[in-house]
Amino acid sequence: SISKDATALDFTGKTIYPGFIDSWVEISTQSEKTISHDAHWNHKVIARLELFSQYHPDKKKLKSLHKLGFTAAHIVPDSGIFQGQTALVQLNHEGTVLTSAVAQDIAYEVDGWGSDEYPNSLLGVVALLRQTFMDAAWFREAREKTIQFPEFNEPLKNNRDLDILSQWRQESKPFIFETNHELTVLRSFTLASEFGLNGWIKGSGYEYRQVSEIEKVSPIIILPLDFPVTPDLSDPYQALSYSTSELKHWDMAPDNPTILIDRGISVAFTTHGLKGEEFRKNLSRSVERGLPETDALASITTIPAEKMGTSDQLGKIKKGFLA
């Protein structure tokens, strides 16, 4: 029976959706004041970081996401190469953690030639990634041998980062590669294949350029809807400053989600890089260009819920699910 103090609202002609899931919300991480004795030697390798422990709800951010209909968010670090363990949280004032460890976040973060810290080039970043994964594999094997034959081996110095990375790889847990270009996606596929990783992709919007190659791997892609602004061609001299590739991307960017989904690639949308109503505006633009409404809705409800292990809590209007 309906409670006596319930408020009756007339929603005739309205549509009720489950709470949306934002699949990429960056939060600033706090660096360790003193480097732990069991940490990796490179300060950009922080696989040990558990982001849920550093999450504190921001009222302004909550308000902006609530206005768009989001009730849960996949929170990710904002710095590092091996950036740590991401988490899924409920967008309430308590900061309820739904999944404390969703994936390991990997970024091709380059400080530049002016930095004295290694790595300061993309080549160095890729070298550090490969060496770290090889070290993690060696660490796991060496530790097993040390335990098996303690009388023949010196005790192995503990390294939490290598330990965690080897465990995630062994258990086939997700590694998310942040990309800013379609060729970075292919580079990530090569790394994932070499080390047997369960690779996810944080996309850039340029995936349509290499969709045939991406389709072969068919990872889940967390996709921003950050489309380029309309070029100003009113001045003929200004118009000449735009390259053909820039104009092509302006035209193709809204079609990118549809192209991926039509190839059977799972896509989860994010508001990352957008302000205010831009997300809703750009999503509507993709729908107008052919993205099915059911797929658009799934990309902010059932798909991220399933991939992040909360399909029994989020993504549907169903008894026992979170609103």
Protein backbone atom coordinates (compact mmCIF):
# COMPACT_ATOMS: atom_id res chain seq x y z
CA SER A 1 0.00 0.00 0.00
CA ILE A 2 1.06 3.59 -0.61
CA SER A 3 2.39 5.44 2.42
CA LYS A 4 0.09 8.16 3.78
CA ASP A 5 2.86 10.76 3.69
CA ALA A 6 3.79 9.99 0.06
CA THR A 7 3.61 12.81 -2.48
CA ALA A 8 1.69 12.05 -5.67
CA LEU A 9 3.23 13.43 -8.87
CA ASP A 10 1.64 13.39 -12.30
CA PHE A 11 4.19 12.10 -14.83
CA THR A 12 1.77 11.59 -17.69
CA GLY A 13 3.70 11.81 -20.94
CA LYS A 14 7.07 11.60 -19.17
CA THR A 15 9.73 8.91 -19.47
CA ILE A 16 11.55 7.56 -16.42
CA TYR A 17 15.08 6.27 -16.90
CA PRO A 18 17.40 4.42 -14.53
CA GLY A 19 20.19 6.52 -13.08
CA PHE A 20 22.96 7.13 -15.60
CA ILE A 21 26.59 6.04 -15.11
CA ASP A 22 29.41 8.40 -16.08
CA SER A 23 32.24 6.10 -17.14
CA TRP A 24 35.13 8.54 -16.70
CA VAL A 25 35.36 11.13 -13.91
CA GLU A 26 38.90 12.24 -13.07
CA ILE A 27 39.80 13.22 -9.52
CA SER A 28 43.04 14.65 -8.23
CA THR A 29 45.21 12.19 -6.36
CA GLN A 30 47.34 12.96 -3.34
CA SER A 31 50.98 12.03 -3.78
CA GLU A 32 52.68 10.14 -0.99
CA LYS A 33 54.72 12.40 1.29
CA THR A 34 57.33 9.69 1.72
CA ILE A 35 57.97 6.92 -0.78
CA SER A 36 57.23 3.54 0.75
CA HIS A 37 60.10 1.07 1.01
CA ASP A 38 58.11 -1.44 -1.07
CA ALA A 39 57.15 0.98 -3.86
CA HIS A 40 58.33 0.89 -7.46
CA TRP A 41 61.52 2.84 -8.21
CA ASN A 42 59.73 5.12 -10.72
CA HIS A 43 57.35 7.69 -9.22
CA LYS A 44 54.93 7.32 -12.14
CA VAL A 45 54.29 3.65 -11.35
CA ILE A 46 51.66 3.71 -8.60
CA ALA A 47 49.62 0.58 -9.24
CA ARG A 48 49.24 0.31 -5.46
CA LEU A 49 47.02 3.42 -5.38
CA GLU A 50 43.42 2.60 -4.43
CA LEU A 51 41.42 5.55 -5.66
CA PHE A 52 38.30 4.81 -3.63
CA SER A 53 40.25 5.66 -0.47
CA GLN A 54 40.92 9.17 -1.80
CA TYR A 55 37.42 9.94 -3.04
CA HIS A 56 35.56 12.77 -1.37
CA PRO A 57 32.29 13.97 -2.98
CA ASP A 58 32.42 17.47 -4.44
CA LYS A 59 29.05 19.21 -4.04
CA LYS A 60 29.45 21.32 -7.18
CA LYS A 61 30.41 18.28 -9.28
CA LEU A 62 27.56 16.23 -7.82
CA LYS A 63 25.06 18.94 -8.69
CA SER A 64 26.22 19.19 -12.30
CA LEU A 65 26.13 15.41 -12.80
CA HIS A 66 22.75 15.04 -11.07
CA LYS A 67 21.33 17.69 -13.39
CA LEU A 68 22.25 15.47 -16.34
CA GLY A 69 20.74 12.38 -14.70
CA PHE A 70 23.94 10.67 -13.51
CA THR A 71 23.77 8.79 -10.22
CA ALA A 72 27.01 6.77 -10.38
CA ALA A 73 30.51 7.43 -11.68
CA HIS A 74 33.66 5.53 -12.58
CA ILE A 75 36.38 7.58 -10.88
CA VAL A 76 39.91 7.58 -12.27
CA PRO A 77 43.25 9.18 -11.31
CA ASP A 78 44.57 12.25 -13.11
CA SER A 79 48.31 11.61 -13.20
CA GLY A 80 50.96 8.94 -13.61
CA ILE A 81 51.66 6.18 -16.12
CA PHE A 82 50.54 3.19 -14.08
CA GLN A 83 47.98 5.38 -12.30
CA GLY A 84 46.38 2.91 -9.93
CA GLN A 85 43.07 1.17 -9.30
CA THR A 86 39.90 2.92 -10.45
CA ALA A 87 36.58 2.61 -8.63
CA LEU A 88 32.83 2.90 -9.15
CA VAL A 89 31.01 5.17 -6.70
CA GLN A 90 27.48 6.28 -6.08
CA LEU A 91 27.01 10.01 -6.60
CA ASN A 92 25.58 10.73 -3.18
CA HIS A 93 26.85 12.97 -0.41
CA GLU A 94 28.25 9.94 1.45
CA GLY A 95 30.42 8.85 -1.48
CA THR A 96 29.28 5.23 -1.29
CA VAL A 97 31.77 2.90 -2.99
CA LEU A 98 30.05 0.32 -5.19
CA THR A 99 33.18 -1.36 -6.61
CA SER A 100 36.53 -0.57 -5.01
CA ALA A 101 38.67 -1.96 -7.85
CA VAL A 102 37.34 -1.74 -11.41
CA ALA A 103 40.53 -1.53 -13.47
CA GLN A 104 44.18 -0.50 -13.53
CA ASP A 105 44.55 2.84 -15.33
CA ILE A 106 47.43 3.33 -17.77
CA ALA A 107 48.29 6.65 -19.44
CA TYR A 108 50.98 7.64 -21.95
CA GLU A 109 51.95 10.59 -19.76
CA VAL A 110 54.97 12.50 -21.06
CA ASP A 111 56.53 15.38 -19.10
CA GLY A 112 58.50 16.63 -22.10
CA TRP A 113 62.13 17.22 -22.98
CA GLY A 114 62.47 19.92 -20.35
CA SER A 115 61.89 17.43 -17.54
CA ASP A 116 64.75 15.73 -15.72
CA GLU A 117 62.44 12.90 -14.64
CA TYR A 118 62.30 9.63 -16.55
CA PRO A 119 60.48 9.05 -18.83
CA ASN A 120 60.33 12.37 -20.69
CA SER A 121 59.38 11.03 -24.12
CA LEU A 122 56.75 8.71 -25.59
CA LEU A 123 59.50 6.22 -26.43
CA GLY A 124 60.50 6.22 -22.78
CA VAL A 125 56.90 5.75 -21.64
CA VAL A 126 56.46 2.67 -23.83
CA ALA A 127 59.81 1.32 -22.63
CA LEU A 128 58.76 1.80 -18.99
CA LEU A 129 55.42 0.09 -19.62
CA ARG A 130 57.05 -2.95 -21.22
CA GLN A 131 59.83 -3.19 -18.65
CA THR A 132 57.38 -2.92 -15.76
CA PHE A 133 55.18 -5.70 -17.10
CA MET A 134 58.26 -7.89 -17.64
CA ASP A 135 59.46 -7.08 -14.12
CA ALA A 136 56.03 -7.95 -12.71
CA ALA A 137 56.10 -11.33 -14.46
CA TRP A 138 59.64 -11.99 -13.19
CA PHE A 139 58.68 -10.90 -9.67
CA ARG A 140 55.79 -13.37 -9.53
CA GLU A 141 57.88 -16.25 -10.81
CA ALA A 142 60.83 -15.42 -8.55
CA ARG A 143 58.63 -15.20 -5.49
CA GLU A 144 57.06 -18.59 -6.25
CA LYS A 145 60.53 -20.13 -6.63
CA THR A 146 61.71 -18.52 -3.39
CA ILE A 147 58.73 -19.94 -1.51
CA GLN A 148 59.22 -23.36 -3.11
CA PHE A 149 62.98 -23.50 -2.48
CA PRO A 150 63.73 -21.18 0.44
CA GLU A 151 67.01 -22.93 1.26
CA PHE A 152 68.48 -22.06 -2.15
CA ASN A 153 67.24 -18.47 -2.53
CA GLU A 154 67.66 -15.22 -0.66
CA PRO A 155 64.42 -13.59 0.56
CA LEU A 156 62.90 -11.47 -2.20
CA LYS A 157 62.51 -7.75 -1.51
CA ASN A 158 58.80 -6.92 -1.57
CA ASN A 159 57.43 -4.60 -4.25
CA ARG A 160 53.72 -3.84 -3.93
CA ASP A 161 53.37 -2.32 -7.39
CA LEU A 162 54.86 -5.31 -9.20
CA ASP A 163 52.91 -7.67 -6.96
CA ILE A 164 49.61 -5.96 -7.77
CA LEU A 165 50.31 -5.75 -11.51
CA SER A 166 51.23 -9.44 -11.70
CA GLN A 167 48.07 -10.34 -9.78
CA TRP A 168 45.81 -8.27 -12.06
CA ARG A 169 47.42 -9.78 -15.12
CA GLN A 170 47.16 -13.31 -13.72
CA GLU A 171 43.47 -12.86 -12.89
CA SER A 172 42.73 -11.17 -16.26
CA LYS A 173 41.39 -8.03 -14.62
CA PRO A 174 40.98 -4.95 -16.84
CA PHE A 175 43.74 -2.50 -17.77
CA ILE A 176 42.41 0.76 -19.23
CA PHE A 177 44.67 2.48 -21.75
CA GLU A 178 44.07 6.22 -22.09
CA THR A 179 44.39 7.29 -25.72
CA ASN A 180 44.38 10.62 -27.53
CA HIS A 181 44.64 9.30 -31.10
CA GLU A 182 43.47 6.29 -33.07
CA LEU A 183 47.07 5.10 -33.50
CA THR A 184 47.49 5.12 -29.72
CA VAL A 185 44.65 2.59 -29.62
CA LEU A 186 46.61 0.29 -31.93
CA ARG A 187 49.75 0.78 -29.83
CA SER A 188 47.72 -0.25 -26.77
CA PHE A 189 46.47 -3.36 -28.57
CA THR A 190 50.09 -4.35 -29.26
CA LEU A 191 51.02 -3.99 -25.59
CA ALA A 192 47.92 -5.86 -24.43
CA SER A 193 48.63 -8.69 -26.86
CA GLU A 194 52.31 -8.94 -25.89
CA PHE A 195 51.56 -9.30 -22.18
CA GLY A 196 48.19 -11.04 -22.34
CA LEU A 197 46.19 -8.18 -20.85
CA ASN A 198 42.46 -7.68 -20.66
CA GLY A 199 42.61 -4.28 -22.33
CA TRP A 200 39.97 -1.55 -22.24
CA ILE A 201 40.27 1.74 -24.09
CA LYS A 202 39.51 5.30 -23.05
CA GLY A 203 38.85 6.73 -26.48
CA SER A 204 39.58 10.02 -28.19
CA GLY A 205 36.78 10.33 -30.73
CA TYR A 206 39.05 9.45 -33.67
CA GLU A 207 38.38 5.70 -33.60
CA TYR A 208 36.41 5.76 -36.88
CA ARG A 209 39.74 6.24 -38.70
CA GLN A 210 40.92 2.73 -37.71
CA VAL A 211 37.60 1.01 -37.03
CA SER A 212 38.51 -2.09 -39.06
CA GLU A 213 41.57 -2.73 -36.88
CA ILE A 214 39.69 -1.90 -33.69
CA GLU A 215 36.89 -4.28 -34.65
CA LYS A 216 39.36 -7.19 -34.70
CA VAL A 217 40.02 -6.76 -30.97
CA SER A 218 36.60 -5.30 -30.07
CA PRO A 219 37.40 -3.92 -26.60
CA ILE A 220 35.03 -1.84 -24.53
CA ILE A 221 35.69 1.82 -25.32
CA ILE A 222 34.91 4.58 -22.82
CA LEU A 223 34.05 7.37 -25.20
CA PRO A 224 33.92 11.14 -24.60
CA LEU A 225 31.42 13.07 -26.72
CA ASP A 226 33.74 16.04 -27.02
CA PHE A 227 33.08 17.08 -30.60
CA PRO A 228 35.03 19.88 -32.33
CA VAL A 229 33.33 23.25 -32.65
CA THR A 230 31.99 24.37 -36.01
CA PRO A 231 34.83 25.91 -38.04
CA ASP A 232 34.50 29.61 -38.80
CA LEU A 233 34.64 29.82 -42.59
CA SER A 234 33.17 33.30 -42.91
CA ASP A 235 36.57 34.76 -43.73
CA PRO A 236 38.25 33.12 -46.76
CA TYR A 237 41.72 33.65 -45.29
CA GLN A 238 40.61 32.10 -42.00
CA ALA A 239 39.08 29.19 -43.91
CA LEU A 240 42.45 28.40 -45.48
CA SER A 241 43.91 27.80 -42.00
CA TYR A 242 41.81 24.65 -41.57
CA SER A 243 43.30 21.42 -42.87
CA THR A 244 41.26 18.83 -44.73
CA SER A 245 41.68 16.41 -41.81
CA GLU A 246 40.30 18.98 -39.35
CA LEU A 247 37.24 19.60 -41.50
CA LYS A 248 36.77 15.87 -41.99
CA HIS A 249 36.90 15.24 -38.25
CA TRP A 250 34.38 18.02 -37.59
CA ASP A 251 32.02 16.24 -39.95
CA MET A 252 32.72 12.67 -38.78
CA ALA A 253 33.04 13.06 -34.98
CA PRO A 254 29.27 12.80 -34.25
CA ASP A 255 29.16 9.56 -36.28
CA ASN A 256 31.99 7.91 -34.33
CA PRO A 257 29.74 6.24 -31.69
CA THR A 258 27.42 4.83 -34.36
CA ILE A 259 30.31 3.51 -36.46
CA LEU A 260 31.75 1.67 -33.46
CA ILE A 261 28.44 0.27 -32.23
CA ASP A 262 27.49 -0.89 -35.75
CA ARG A 263 30.71 -2.98 -35.71
CA GLY A 264 29.64 -4.67 -32.46
CA ILE A 265 32.05 -2.72 -30.25
CA SER A 266 30.82 -1.96 -26.73
CA VAL A 267 30.78 1.75 -25.94
CA ALA A 268 30.26 3.57 -22.63
CA PHE A 269 29.84 7.34 -22.73
CA THR A 270 31.35 9.95 -20.43
CA THR A 271 30.88 13.67 -19.81
CA HIS A 272 34.66 14.09 -19.56
CA GLY A 273 35.87 17.25 -21.30
CA LEU A 274 32.39 18.74 -21.54
CA LYS A 275 30.65 21.56 -19.68
CA GLY A 276 27.04 22.06 -18.67
CA GLU A 277 24.54 20.83 -21.23
CA GLU A 278 27.17 19.98 -23.87
CA PHE A 279 26.90 16.26 -23.12
CA ARG A 280 23.16 16.14 -23.73
CA LYS A 281 23.50 18.36 -26.81
CA ASN A 282 26.24 16.21 -28.35
CA LEU A 283 24.47 12.95 -27.51
CA SER A 284 21.35 14.26 -29.24
CA ARG A 285 23.49 15.22 -32.21
CA SER A 286 24.78 11.65 -32.53
CA VAL A 287 21.23 10.30 -32.26
CA GLU A 288 20.13 12.67 -35.03
CA ARG A 289 23.01 11.32 -37.15
CA GLY A 290 21.82 7.73 -36.79
CA LEU A 291 22.78 6.45 -33.31
CA PRO A 292 19.83 4.30 -32.12
CA GLU A 293 18.24 5.66 -28.93
CA THR A 294 18.39 2.21 -27.31
CA ASP A 295 22.16 2.05 -27.87
CA ALA A 296 22.61 5.59 -26.59
CA LEU A 297 20.74 4.68 -23.40
CA ALA A 298 22.63 1.39 -22.97
CA SER A 299 25.94 3.28 -23.18
CA ILE A 300 25.14 5.18 -19.98
CA THR A 301 23.25 2.41 -18.16
CA THR A 302 23.48 -1.32 -18.80
CA ILE A 303 26.84 -1.50 -20.61
CA PRO A 304 28.95 0.27 -17.95
CA ALA A 305 27.00 -1.51 -15.21
CA GLU A 306 27.79 -4.91 -16.72
CA LYS A 307 31.44 -4.18 -17.50
CA MET A 308 32.09 -2.73 -14.04
CA GLY A 309 30.48 -5.60 -12.18
CA THR A 310 27.31 -3.92 -10.92
CA SER A 311 24.68 -5.27 -13.31
CA ASP A 312 22.73 -6.44 -10.26
CA GLN A 313 22.61 -2.90 -8.82
CA LEU A 314 22.68 -0.36 -11.63
CA GLY A 315 21.43 0.24 -15.13
CA LYS A 316 17.80 -0.84 -14.83
CA ILE A 317 14.58 0.18 -13.15
CA LYS A 318 14.03 -2.98 -11.19
CA LYS A 319 13.19 -4.07 -7.68
CA GLY A 320 16.27 -4.01 -5.45
CA PHE A 321 18.31 -1.81 -7.80
CA LEU A 322 19.73 1.56 -6.85
CA ALA A 323 17.79 4.57 -8.09
